[in-house]
C-alpha atoms as a PDB file:
ATOM      1  CA  MET A   1      38.380 122.454 208.549  1.00  0.00           C
ATOM      2  CA  ASP A   2      35.472 124.528 209.862  1.00  0.00           C
ATOM      3  CA  ARG A   3      33.023 124.870 206.981  1.00  0.00           C
ATOM      4  CA  GLN A   4      31.446 127.976 208.490  1.00  0.00           C
ATOM      5  CA  THR A   5      34.652 130.046 208.594  1.00  0.00           C
ATOM      6  CA  VAL A   6      36.203 129.060 205.264  1.00  0.00           C
ATOM      7  CA  GLY A   7      34.783 130.574 202.065  1.00  0.00           C
ATOM      8  CA  THR A   8      33.562 128.109 199.484  1.00  0.00           C
ATOM      9  CA  LEU A   9      36.155 129.152 196.907  1.00  0.00           C
ATOM     10  CA  LEU A  10      38.970 128.631 199.414  1.00  0.00           C
ATOM     11  CA  ARG A  11      37.490 125.304 200.404  1.00  0.00           C
ATOM     12  CA  LEU A  12      37.461 124.202 196.752  1.00  0.00           C
ATOM     13  CA  GLU A  13      41.085 125.333 196.414  1.00  0.00           C
ATOM     14  CA  LEU A  14      42.101 123.312 199.483  1.00  0.00           C
ATOM     15  CA  GLU A  15      40.028 120.234 198.651  1.00  0.00           C
ATOM     16  CA  THR A  16      41.330 119.994 195.071  1.00  0.00           C
ATOM     17  CA  HIS A  17      44.965 121.010 195.567  1.00  0.00           C
ATOM     18  CA  ALA A  18      46.166 117.546 194.526  1.00  0.00           C
ATOM     19  CA  TYR A  19      45.038 118.281 190.942  1.00  0.00           C
ATOM     20  CA  HIS A  20      46.391 121.807 190.611  1.00  0.00           C
ATOM     21  CA  ARG A  21      49.952 121.034 189.505  1.00  0.00           C
ATOM     22  CA  ASP A  22      48.864 118.640 186.763  1.00  0.00           C
ATOM     23  CA  ALA A  23      46.057 120.941 185.591  1.00  0.00           C
ATOM     24  CA  ASP A  24      48.386 123.949 185.469  1.00  0.00           C
ATOM     25  CA  GLN A  25      51.305 122.164 183.798  1.00  0.00           C
ATOM     26  CA  PRO A  26      50.097 122.461 180.170  1.00  0.00           C
ATOM     27  CA  TRP A  27      49.666 126.226 180.612  1.00  0.00           C
ATOM     28  CA  LEU A  28      52.961 126.630 182.467  1.00  0.00           C
ATOM     29  CA  LEU A  29      54.795 124.821 179.654  1.00  0.00           C
ATOM     30  CA  LEU A  30      53.817 127.801 177.488  1.00  0.00           C
ATOM     31  CA  VAL A  31      56.009 130.008 179.679  1.00  0.00           C
ATOM     32  CA  SER A  32      59.115 128.217 178.388  1.00  0.00           C
ATOM     33  CA  PRO A  33      61.816 130.208 176.590  1.00  0.00           C
ATOM     34  CA  ASP A  34      61.677 127.425 173.959  1.00  0.00           C
ATOM     35  CA  LEU A  35      57.960 127.883 173.243  1.00  0.00           C
ATOM     36  CA  THR A  36      56.958 126.755 169.765  1.00  0.00           C
ATOM     37  CA  ARG A  37      53.929 127.550 167.664  1.00  0.00           C
ATOM     38  CA  PRO A  38      52.875 123.856 167.581  1.00  0.00           C
ATOM     39  CA  ALA A  39      53.033 123.660 171.390  1.00  0.00           C
ATOM     40  CA  TYR A  40      50.902 126.786 171.742  1.00  0.00           C
ATOM     41  CA  THR A  41      48.411 125.545 169.157  1.00  0.00           C
ATOM     42  CA  ALA A  42      48.175 122.119 170.811  1.00  0.00           C
ATOM     43  CA  GLN A  43      47.342 123.656 174.196  1.00  0.00           C
ATOM     44  CA  LEU A  44      44.683 125.909 172.696  1.00  0.00           C
ATOM     45  CA  ARG A  45      43.147 122.824 171.062  1.00  0.00           C
ATOM     46  CA  ARG A  46      43.125 120.960 174.376  1.00  0.00           C
ATOM     47  CA  ALA A  47      41.509 123.932 176.108  1.00  0.00           C
ATOM     48  CA  TYR A  48      38.902 124.207 173.350  1.00  0.00           C
ATOM     49  CA  ALA A  49      38.109 120.483 173.610  1.00  0.00           C
ATOM     50  CA  PHE A  50      37.253 120.982 177.280  1.00  0.00           C
ATOM     51  CA  GLU A  51      35.701 124.437 177.326  1.00  0.00           C
ATOM     52  CA  ALA A  52      33.377 124.303 174.312  1.00  0.00           C
ATOM     53  CA  PRO A  53      31.341 121.313 175.578  1.00  0.00           C
ATOM     54  CA  LEU A  54      31.499 122.646 179.142  1.00  0.00           C
ATOM     55  CA  GLU A  55      30.030 125.982 178.050  1.00  0.00           C
ATOM     56  CA  ALA A  56      27.226 124.169 176.239  1.00  0.00           C
ATOM     57  CA  ALA A  57      26.471 122.106 179.345  1.00  0.00           C
ATOM     58  CA  LEU A  58      26.483 125.235 181.520  1.00  0.00           C
ATOM     59  CA  ALA A  59      24.133 127.024 179.116  1.00  0.00           C
ATOM     60  CA  TYR A  60      21.623 124.167 179.296  1.00  0.00           C
ATOM     61  CA  THR A  61      21.824 123.696 183.063  1.00  0.00           C
ATOM     62  CA  PRO A  62      18.566 124.967 184.569  1.00  0.00           C
ATOM     63  CA  HIS A  63      18.894 128.355 186.317  1.00  0.00           C
ATOM     64  CA  MET A  64      22.620 128.674 185.598  1.00  0.00           C
ATOM     65  CA  VAL A  65      22.426 131.570 183.131  1.00  0.00           C
ATOM     66  CA  THR A  66      19.816 133.317 185.261  1.00  0.00           C
ATOM     67  CA  LEU A  67      21.994 132.995 188.353  1.00  0.00           C
ATOM     68  CA  THR A  68      25.228 134.137 186.710  1.00  0.00           C
ATOM     69  CA  GLY A  69      23.565 136.777 184.548  1.00  0.00           C
ATOM     70  CA  HIS A  70      25.177 135.516 181.325  1.00  0.00           C
ATOM     71  CA  ALA A  71      26.316 132.423 179.491  1.00  0.00           C
ATOM     72  CA  ARG A  72      30.040 131.718 179.588  1.00  0.00           C
ATOM     73  CA  ALA A  73      31.310 132.219 176.037  1.00  0.00           C
ATOM     74  CA  ARG A  74      35.087 132.107 176.113  1.00  0.00           C
ATOM     75  CA  SER A  75      35.528 129.089 173.814  1.00  0.00           C
ATOM     76  CA  ARG A  76      34.685 131.301 170.828  1.00  0.00           C
ATOM     77  CA  LEU A  77      37.911 133.202 171.562  1.00  0.00           C
ATOM     78  CA  LEU A  78      39.811 129.906 171.490  1.00  0.00           C
ATOM     79  CA  ALA A  79      38.202 129.118 168.135  1.00  0.00           C
ATOM     80  CA  HIS A  80      39.240 132.537 166.763  1.00  0.00           C
ATOM     81  CA  ASP A  81      42.818 132.084 167.965  1.00  0.00           C
ATOM     82  CA  LEU A  82      42.984 128.595 166.475  1.00  0.00           C
ATOM     83  CA  PHE A  83      41.632 129.920 163.175  1.00  0.00           C
ATOM     84  CA  ASP A  84      44.284 132.668 163.187  1.00  0.00           C
ATOM     85  CA  LEU A  85      46.912 129.980 163.804  1.00  0.00           C
ATOM     86  CA  ASP A  86      45.586 128.108 160.736  1.00  0.00           C
ATOM     87  CA  ALA A  87      44.486 125.319 163.061  1.00  0.00           C
ATOM     88  CA  SER A  88      41.023 123.970 162.566  1.00  0.00           C
ATOM     89  CA  THR A  89      38.765 123.165 165.489  1.00  0.00           C
ATOM     90  CA  THR A  90      37.527 120.203 163.452  1.00  0.00           C
ATOM     91  CA  ARG A  91      40.740 118.375 164.438  1.00  0.00           C
ATOM     92  CA  VAL A  92      39.615 118.648 168.051  1.00  0.00           C
ATOM     93  CA  PRO A  93      38.038 115.332 169.071  1.00  0.00           C
ATOM     94  CA  PRO A  94      34.332 115.814 169.749  1.00  0.00           C
ATOM     95  CA  ARG A  95      33.432 115.618 173.421  1.00  0.00           C
ATOM     96  CA  LEU A  96      30.162 115.878 175.240  1.00  0.00           C
ATOM     97  CA  ILE A  97      29.286 117.043 178.717  1.00  0.00           C
ATOM     98  CA  ALA A  98      25.637 116.651 179.675  1.00  0.00           C
ATOM     99  CA  PRO A  99      23.808 119.546 181.308  1.00  0.00           C
ATOM    100  CA  PHE A 100      24.369 119.431 185.044  1.00  0.00           C
ATOM    101  CA  PRO A 101      21.623 118.242 187.403  1.00  0.00           C
ATOM    102  CA  SER A 102      22.042 121.286 189.641  1.00  0.00           C
ATOM    103  CA  VAL A 103      23.641 124.699 189.811  1.00  0.00           C
ATOM    104  CA  ALA A 104      25.946 123.414 192.553  1.00  0.00           C
ATOM    105  CA  ALA A 105      27.275 120.700 190.228  1.00  0.00           C
ATOM    106  CA  ALA A 106      27.748 123.229 187.424  1.00  0.00           C
ATOM    107  CA  LEU A 107      29.634 125.581 189.727  1.00  0.00           C
ATOM    108  CA  GLY A 108      32.070 122.814 190.674  1.00  0.00           C
ATOM    109  CA  TRP A 109      32.993 122.498 186.991  1.00  0.00           C
ATOM    110  CA  LEU A 110      33.014 126.253 186.405  1.00  0.00           C
ATOM    111  CA  TYR A 111      35.503 126.644 189.255  1.00  0.00           C
ATOM    112  CA  VAL A 112      37.937 124.312 187.468  1.00  0.00           C
ATOM    113  CA  VAL A 113      37.889 126.212 184.168  1.00  0.00           C
ATOM    114  CA  GLU A 114      37.966 129.676 185.783  1.00  0.00           C
ATOM    115  CA  ARG A 115      40.853 128.707 188.067  1.00  0.00           C
ATOM    116  CA  ALA A 116      43.206 128.449 185.081  1.00  0.00           C
ATOM    117  CA  THR A 117      42.565 132.058 184.031  1.00  0.00           C
ATOM    118  CA  ARG A 118      44.862 133.267 186.801  1.00  0.00           C
ATOM    119  CA  LEU A 119      47.821 131.940 184.766  1.00  0.00           C
ATOM    120  CA  TYR A 120      46.863 133.628 181.494  1.00  0.00           C
ATOM    121  CA  PRO A 121      48.587 137.018 181.927  1.00  0.00           C
ATOM    122  CA  MET A 122      51.941 135.291 182.492  1.00  0.00           C
ATOM    123  CA  VAL A 123      51.349 132.882 179.600  1.00  0.00           C
ATOM    124  CA  ARG A 124      50.274 135.702 177.277  1.00  0.00           C
ATOM    125  CA  ARG A 125      53.430 137.733 178.001  1.00  0.00           C
ATOM    126  CA  ASN A 126      55.614 134.781 177.057  1.00  0.00           C
ATOM    127  CA  VAL A 127      53.589 133.906 173.958  1.00  0.00           C
ATOM    128  CA  LEU A 128      53.892 137.494 172.716  1.00  0.00           C
ATOM    129  CA  ALA A 129      57.639 137.544 173.478  1.00  0.00           C
ATOM    130  CA  ARG A 130      58.427 134.152 171.893  1.00  0.00           C
ATOM    131  CA  LEU A 131      55.860 134.072 169.071  1.00  0.00           C
ATOM    132  CA  PRO A 132      55.441 137.652 167.828  1.00  0.00           C
ATOM    133  CA  GLY A 133      52.132 138.108 166.088  1.00  0.00           C
ATOM    134  CA  ALA A 134      50.573 134.978 167.592  1.00  0.00           C
ATOM    135  CA  PRO A 135      46.896 135.473 168.414  1.00  0.00           C
ATOM    136  CA  THR A 136      46.189 135.785 172.127  1.00  0.00           C
ATOM    137  CA  SER A 137      42.589 136.971 172.329  1.00  0.00           C
ATOM    138  CA  TYR A 138      41.700 134.047 174.619  1.00  0.00           C
ATOM    139  CA  LEU A 139      44.572 134.788 176.996  1.00  0.00           C
ATOM    140  CA  ASP A 140      43.896 138.536 176.969  1.00  0.00           C
ATOM    141  CA  ASP A 141      41.137 138.491 179.560  1.00  0.00           C
ATOM    142  CA  PRO A 142      40.959 141.738 181.573  1.00  0.00           C
ATOM    143  CA  ASN A 143      37.714 140.542 183.201  1.00  0.00           C
ATOM    144  CA  ALA A 144      39.246 137.368 184.669  1.00  0.00           C
ATOM    145  CA  PRO A 145      39.992 138.817 188.145  1.00  0.00           C
ATOM    146  CA  ALA A 146      36.475 140.239 188.443  1.00  0.00           C
ATOM    147  CA  ARG A 147      34.970 136.931 187.248  1.00  0.00           C
ATOM    148  CA  TRP A 148      37.050 135.033 189.823  1.00  0.00           C
ATOM    149  CA  GLN A 149      35.758 137.287 192.625  1.00  0.00           C
ATOM    150  CA  ALA A 150      32.198 137.013 191.308  1.00  0.00           C
ATOM    151  CA  LEU A 151      32.545 133.228 191.224  1.00  0.00           C
ATOM    152  CA  GLY A 152      33.642 133.242 194.872  1.00  0.00           C
ATOM    153  CA  ALA A 153      30.618 135.351 195.846  1.00  0.00           C
ATOM    154  CA  LEU A 154      28.283 133.120 193.807  1.00  0.00           C
ATOM    155  CA  LEU A 155      29.711 129.959 195.350  1.00  0.00           C
ATOM    156  CA  ASP A 156      29.117 131.370 198.835  1.00  0.00           C
ATOM    157  CA  ARG A 157      25.580 132.411 197.906  1.00  0.00           C
ATOM    158  CA  VAL A 158      24.665 128.971 196.554  1.00  0.00           C
ATOM    159  CA  ALA A 159      26.512 126.988 199.264  1.00  0.00           C
ATOM    160  CA  ARG A 160      23.762 127.187 201.874  1.00  0.00           C
ATOM    161  CA  SER A 161      24.206 123.717 203.333  1.00  0.00           C
ATOM    162  CA  PRO A 162      26.972 121.156 203.870  1.00  0.00           C
ATOM    163  CA  ARG A 163      25.298 118.926 201.266  1.00  0.00           C
ATOM    164  CA  VAL A 164      25.529 121.642 198.595  1.00  0.00           C
ATOM    165  CA  ILE A 165      29.155 122.387 199.451  1.00  0.00           C
ATOM    166  CA  ASP A 166      29.985 118.688 199.313  1.00  0.00           C
ATOM    167  CA  GLU A 167      28.313 118.480 195.883  1.00  0.00           C
ATOM    168  CA  MET A 168      30.480 121.354 194.627  1.00  0.00           C
ATOM    169  CA  VAL A 169      33.624 119.698 195.958  1.00  0.00           C
ATOM    170  CA  HIS A 170      32.669 116.315 194.500  1.00  0.00           C
ATOM    171  CA  THR A 171      31.893 117.735 191.048  1.00  0.00           C
ATOM    172  CA  SER A 172      35.071 119.824 191.005  1.00  0.00           C
ATOM    173  CA  HIS A 173      37.005 116.580 191.570  1.00  0.00           C
ATOM    174  CA  ASP A 174      35.096 115.059 188.631  1.00  0.00           C
ATOM    175  CA  ALA A 175      35.892 118.106 186.491  1.00  0.00           C
ATOM    176  CA  PHE A 176      39.610 117.977 187.282  1.00  0.00           C
ATOM    177  CA  ARG A 177      39.750 114.262 186.475  1.00  0.00           C
ATOM    178  CA  CYS A 178      37.938 114.854 183.194  1.00  0.00           C
ATOM    179  CA  LEU A 179      40.188 117.799 182.310  1.00  0.00           C
ATOM    180  CA  LEU A 180      43.339 115.800 182.997  1.00  0.00           C
ATOM    181  CA  ASP A 181      42.042 112.771 181.073  1.00  0.00           C
ATOM    182  CA  TRP A 182      41.271 114.972 178.073  1.00  0.00           C
ATOM    183  CA  TYR A 183      44.593 116.781 178.248  1.00  0.00           C
ATOM    184  CA  VAL A 184      46.458 113.474 178.260  1.00  0.00           C
ATOM    185  CA  ALA A 185      44.292 111.987 175.476  1.00  0.00           C
ATOM    186  CA  ASP A 186      44.835 115.047 173.305  1.00  0.00           C
ATOM    187  CA  ARG A 187      48.573 115.239 173.927  1.00  0.00           C
ATOM    188  CA  GLU A 188      50.415 115.566 170.648  1.00  0.00           C
ATOM    189  CA  PRO A 189      54.164 115.150 170.163  1.00  0.00           C
ATOM    190  CA  LEU A 190      55.752 118.589 170.018  1.00  0.00           C
ATOM    191  CA  ARG A 191      58.514 117.548 167.650  1.00  0.00           C
ATOM    192  CA  GLN A 192      59.220 114.679 165.250  1.00  0.00           C
ATOM    193  CA  GLY A 193      60.096 111.481 167.050  1.00  0.00           C
ATOM    194  CA  ALA A 194      58.872 112.704 170.450  1.00  0.00           C
END
Protein backbone atom coordinates (compact mmCIF):
# COMPACT_ATOMS: atom_id res chain seq x y z
CA MET A 1 0.00 0.00 0.00
CA ASP A 2 1.48 3.34 -1.05
CA ARG A 3 1.40 5.56 2.03
CA GLN A 4 1.55 8.73 -0.06
CA THR A 5 -1.63 8.04 -2.06
CA VAL A 6 -3.86 6.62 0.67
CA GLY A 7 -5.41 9.02 3.19
CA THR A 8 -4.63 8.34 6.82
CA LEU A 9 -8.25 7.60 7.71
CA LEU A 10 -8.51 5.05 4.91
CA ARG A 11 -5.22 3.53 5.96
CA LEU A 12 -6.51 3.14 9.53
CA GLU A 13 -9.69 1.53 8.16
CA LEU A 14 -7.66 -0.95 6.10
CA GLU A 15 -5.07 -1.69 8.78
CA THR A 16 -7.67 -2.37 11.49
CA HIS A 17 -10.35 -4.15 9.47
CA ALA A 18 -9.81 -7.37 11.43
CA TYR A 19 -11.34 -5.70 14.51
CA HIS A 20 -14.31 -4.02 12.86
CA ARG A 21 -16.82 -6.89 12.97
CA ASP A 22 -16.24 -7.59 16.66
CA ALA A 23 -16.25 -3.89 17.58
CA ASP A 24 -19.48 -3.28 15.65
CA GLN A 25 -21.31 -6.38 16.88
CA PRO A 26 -22.57 -4.96 20.21
CA TRP A 27 -24.09 -1.98 18.38
CA LEU A 28 -25.51 -4.13 15.57
CA LEU A 29 -27.21 -6.39 18.13
CA LEU A 30 -29.31 -3.33 19.01
CA VAL A 31 -30.80 -3.45 15.51
CA SER A 32 -32.56 -6.73 16.36
CA PRO A 33 -36.35 -6.93 16.16
CA ASP A 34 -36.13 -8.57 19.61
CA LEU A 35 -34.31 -5.64 21.23
CA THR A 36 -34.86 -5.41 24.97
CA ARG A 37 -34.39 -2.55 27.38
CA PRO A 38 -31.75 -4.51 29.37
CA ALA A 39 -29.75 -5.16 26.18
CA TYR A 40 -29.85 -1.48 25.24
CA THR A 41 -28.89 -0.42 28.76
CA ALA A 42 -26.02 -2.92 28.89
CA GLN A 43 -24.53 -1.59 25.64
CA LEU A 44 -24.78 2.01 26.81
CA ARG A 45 -22.96 0.99 30.00
CA ARG A 46 -20.20 -0.70 28.00
CA ALA A 47 -19.84 2.37 25.79
CA TYR A 48 -19.71 4.63 28.85
CA ALA A 49 -17.04 2.44 30.47
CA PHE A 50 -14.83 3.00 27.43
CA GLU A 51 -15.65 6.56 26.42
CA ALA A 52 -15.62 8.36 29.78
CA PRO A 53 -12.00 7.44 30.64
CA LEU A 54 -10.96 7.92 27.01
CA GLU A 55 -12.37 11.46 26.98
CA ALA A 56 -10.49 12.24 30.19
CA ALA A 57 -7.25 10.92 28.69
CA LEU A 58 -7.81 12.96 25.51
CA ALA A 59 -8.49 16.11 27.54
CA TYR A 60 -5.20 15.72 29.42
CA THR A 61 -3.10 14.84 26.37
CA PRO A 62 -0.86 17.82 25.60
CA HIS A 63 -1.99 19.87 22.58
CA MET A 64 -4.99 17.65 21.85
CA VAL A 65 -7.72 20.14 22.77
CA THR A 66 -5.83 22.96 21.06
CA LEU A 67 -5.47 20.92 17.88
CA THR A 68 -9.08 19.72 17.74
CA GLY A 69 -10.54 23.00 18.99
CA HIS A 70 -12.61 21.33 21.73
CA ALA A 71 -12.65 18.50 24.23
CA ARG A 72 -14.67 15.45 23.24
CA ALA A 73 -17.64 15.33 25.62
CA ARG A 74 -20.02 12.67 24.38
CA SER A 75 -19.89 10.42 27.47
CA ARG A 76 -22.09 12.92 29.33
CA LEU A 77 -24.86 12.02 26.86
CA LEU A 78 -24.36 8.35 27.71
CA ALA A 79 -24.63 9.22 31.40
CA HIS A 80 -27.88 11.15 30.77
CA ASP A 81 -29.37 8.26 28.79
CA LEU A 82 -28.37 5.77 31.48
CA PHE A 83 -29.92 8.00 34.14
CA ASP A 84 -33.15 8.19 32.11
CA LEU A 85 -33.10 4.39 31.88
CA ASP A 86 -32.82 4.25 35.70
CA ALA A 87 -29.38 2.73 35.27
CA SER A 88 -26.62 4.16 37.38
CA THR A 89 -23.17 4.80 35.98
CA THR A 90 -21.82 3.71 39.36
CA ARG A 91 -22.43 0.09 38.27
CA VAL A 92 -19.95 0.67 35.46
CA PRO A 93 -16.58 -0.77 36.52
CA PRO A 94 -14.05 2.03 36.94
CA ARG A 95 -11.43 2.11 34.21
CA LEU A 96 -8.46 4.33 33.61
CA ILE A 97 -6.70 5.40 30.46
CA ALA A 98 -3.58 7.50 31.00
CA PRO A 99 -3.09 10.67 28.97
CA PHE A 100 -1.44 9.81 25.68
CA PRO A 101 2.25 10.56 25.08
CA SER A 102 1.50 12.25 21.76
CA VAL A 103 -1.31 13.63 19.65
CA ALA A 104 -0.70 10.84 17.13
CA ALA A 105 -1.32 8.21 19.82
CA ALA A 106 -4.47 10.02 20.97
CA LEU A 107 -5.78 10.20 17.41
CA GLY A 108 -5.39 6.44 17.00
CA TRP A 109 -7.76 5.97 19.95
CA LEU A 110 -10.11 8.74 18.84
CA TYR A 111 -10.47 7.03 15.46
CA VAL A 112 -11.74 3.88 17.18
CA VAL A 113 -14.47 5.64 19.18
CA GLU A 114 -15.55 7.93 16.31
CA ARG A 115 -15.73 5.02 13.86
CA ALA A 116 -18.70 3.55 15.74
CA THR A 117 -20.78 6.72 15.30
CA ARG A 118 -21.50 5.74 11.70
CA LEU A 119 -23.79 2.98 13.03
CA TYR A 120 -25.79 5.20 15.39
CA PRO A 121 -28.53 6.44 13.02
CA MET A 122 -29.51 2.85 12.20
CA VAL A 123 -29.33 1.81 15.86
CA ARG A 124 -31.36 4.83 16.97
CA ARG A 125 -34.16 4.09 14.48
CA ASN A 126 -34.50 0.56 15.82
CA VAL A 127 -34.31 1.63 19.47
CA LEU A 128 -37.10 4.16 18.90
CA ALA A 129 -39.20 1.57 17.02
CA ARG A 130 -38.71 -1.26 19.55
CA LEU A 131 -38.45 0.72 22.80
CA PRO A 132 -40.76 3.73 22.46
CA GLY A 133 -39.74 6.50 24.81
CA ALA A 134 -36.24 5.13 25.37
CA PRO A 135 -33.65 7.90 25.65
CA THR A 136 -31.41 8.21 22.61
CA SER A 137 -29.57 11.50 23.09
CA TYR A 138 -26.21 9.74 22.69
CA LEU A 139 -27.26 8.08 19.44
CA ASP A 140 -28.85 11.26 18.08
CA ASP A 141 -25.66 12.83 16.80
CA PRO A 142 -26.24 15.09 13.78
CA ASN A 143 -22.61 16.26 13.96
CA ALA A 144 -21.13 12.76 13.57
CA PRO A 145 -20.59 12.94 9.77
CA ALA A 146 -18.88 16.33 10.05
CA ARG A 147 -16.73 15.07 12.96
CA TRP A 148 -15.72 12.01 10.91
CA GLN A 149 -14.62 14.23 8.00
CA ALA A 150 -12.82 16.59 10.38
CA LEU A 151 -11.05 13.62 11.95
CA GLY A 152 -9.87 12.50 8.51
CA ALA A 153 -8.51 15.98 7.76
CA LEU A 154 -6.83 16.16 11.19
CA LEU A 155 -5.25 12.73 10.77
CA ASP A 156 -3.80 13.79 7.41
CA ARG A 157 -2.52 17.05 8.90
CA VAL A 158 -0.77 15.32 11.80
CA ALA A 159 0.51 12.34 9.75
CA ARG A 160 3.58 14.08 8.35
CA SER A 161 5.92 11.10 8.45
CA PRO A 162 5.77 7.31 8.19
CA ARG A 163 6.71 7.10 11.88
CA VAL A 164 3.69 9.20 12.91
CA ILE A 165 1.35 7.18 10.70
CA ASP A 166 2.73 3.95 12.12
CA GLU A 167 2.15 5.29 15.65
CA MET A 168 -1.49 6.04 14.79
CA VAL A 169 -1.97 2.56 13.35
CA HIS A 170 -0.27 0.91 16.33
CA THR A 171 -2.33 2.83 18.90
CA SER A 172 -5.58 2.19 17.02
CA HIS A 173 -4.80 -1.54 17.30
CA ASP A 174 -4.26 -1.03 21.05
CA ALA A 175 -7.55 0.86 21.30
CA PHE A 176 -9.52 -1.84 19.49
CA ARG A 177 -8.02 -4.55 21.71
CA CYS A 178 -8.87 -2.54 24.81
CA LEU A 179 -12.41 -1.84 23.58
CA LEU A 180 -13.04 -5.50 22.83
CA ASP A 181 -11.56 -6.62 26.17
CA TRP A 182 -13.81 -4.18 28.02
CA TYR A 183 -16.88 -5.14 26.03
CA VAL A 184 -16.32 -8.81 26.82
CA ALA A 185 -15.54 -8.12 30.51
CA ASP A 186 -18.69 -6.04 30.87
CA ARG A 187 -20.93 -8.51 29.05
CA GLU A 188 -24.04 -9.18 31.09
CA PRO A 189 -26.54 -11.98 30.47
CA LEU A 190 -29.52 -10.55 28.62
CA ARG A 191 -32.01 -12.93 30.17
CA GLN A 192 -32.18 -15.24 33.19
CA GLY A 193 -30.09 -18.34 32.75
CA ALA A 194 -28.16 -16.98 29.75
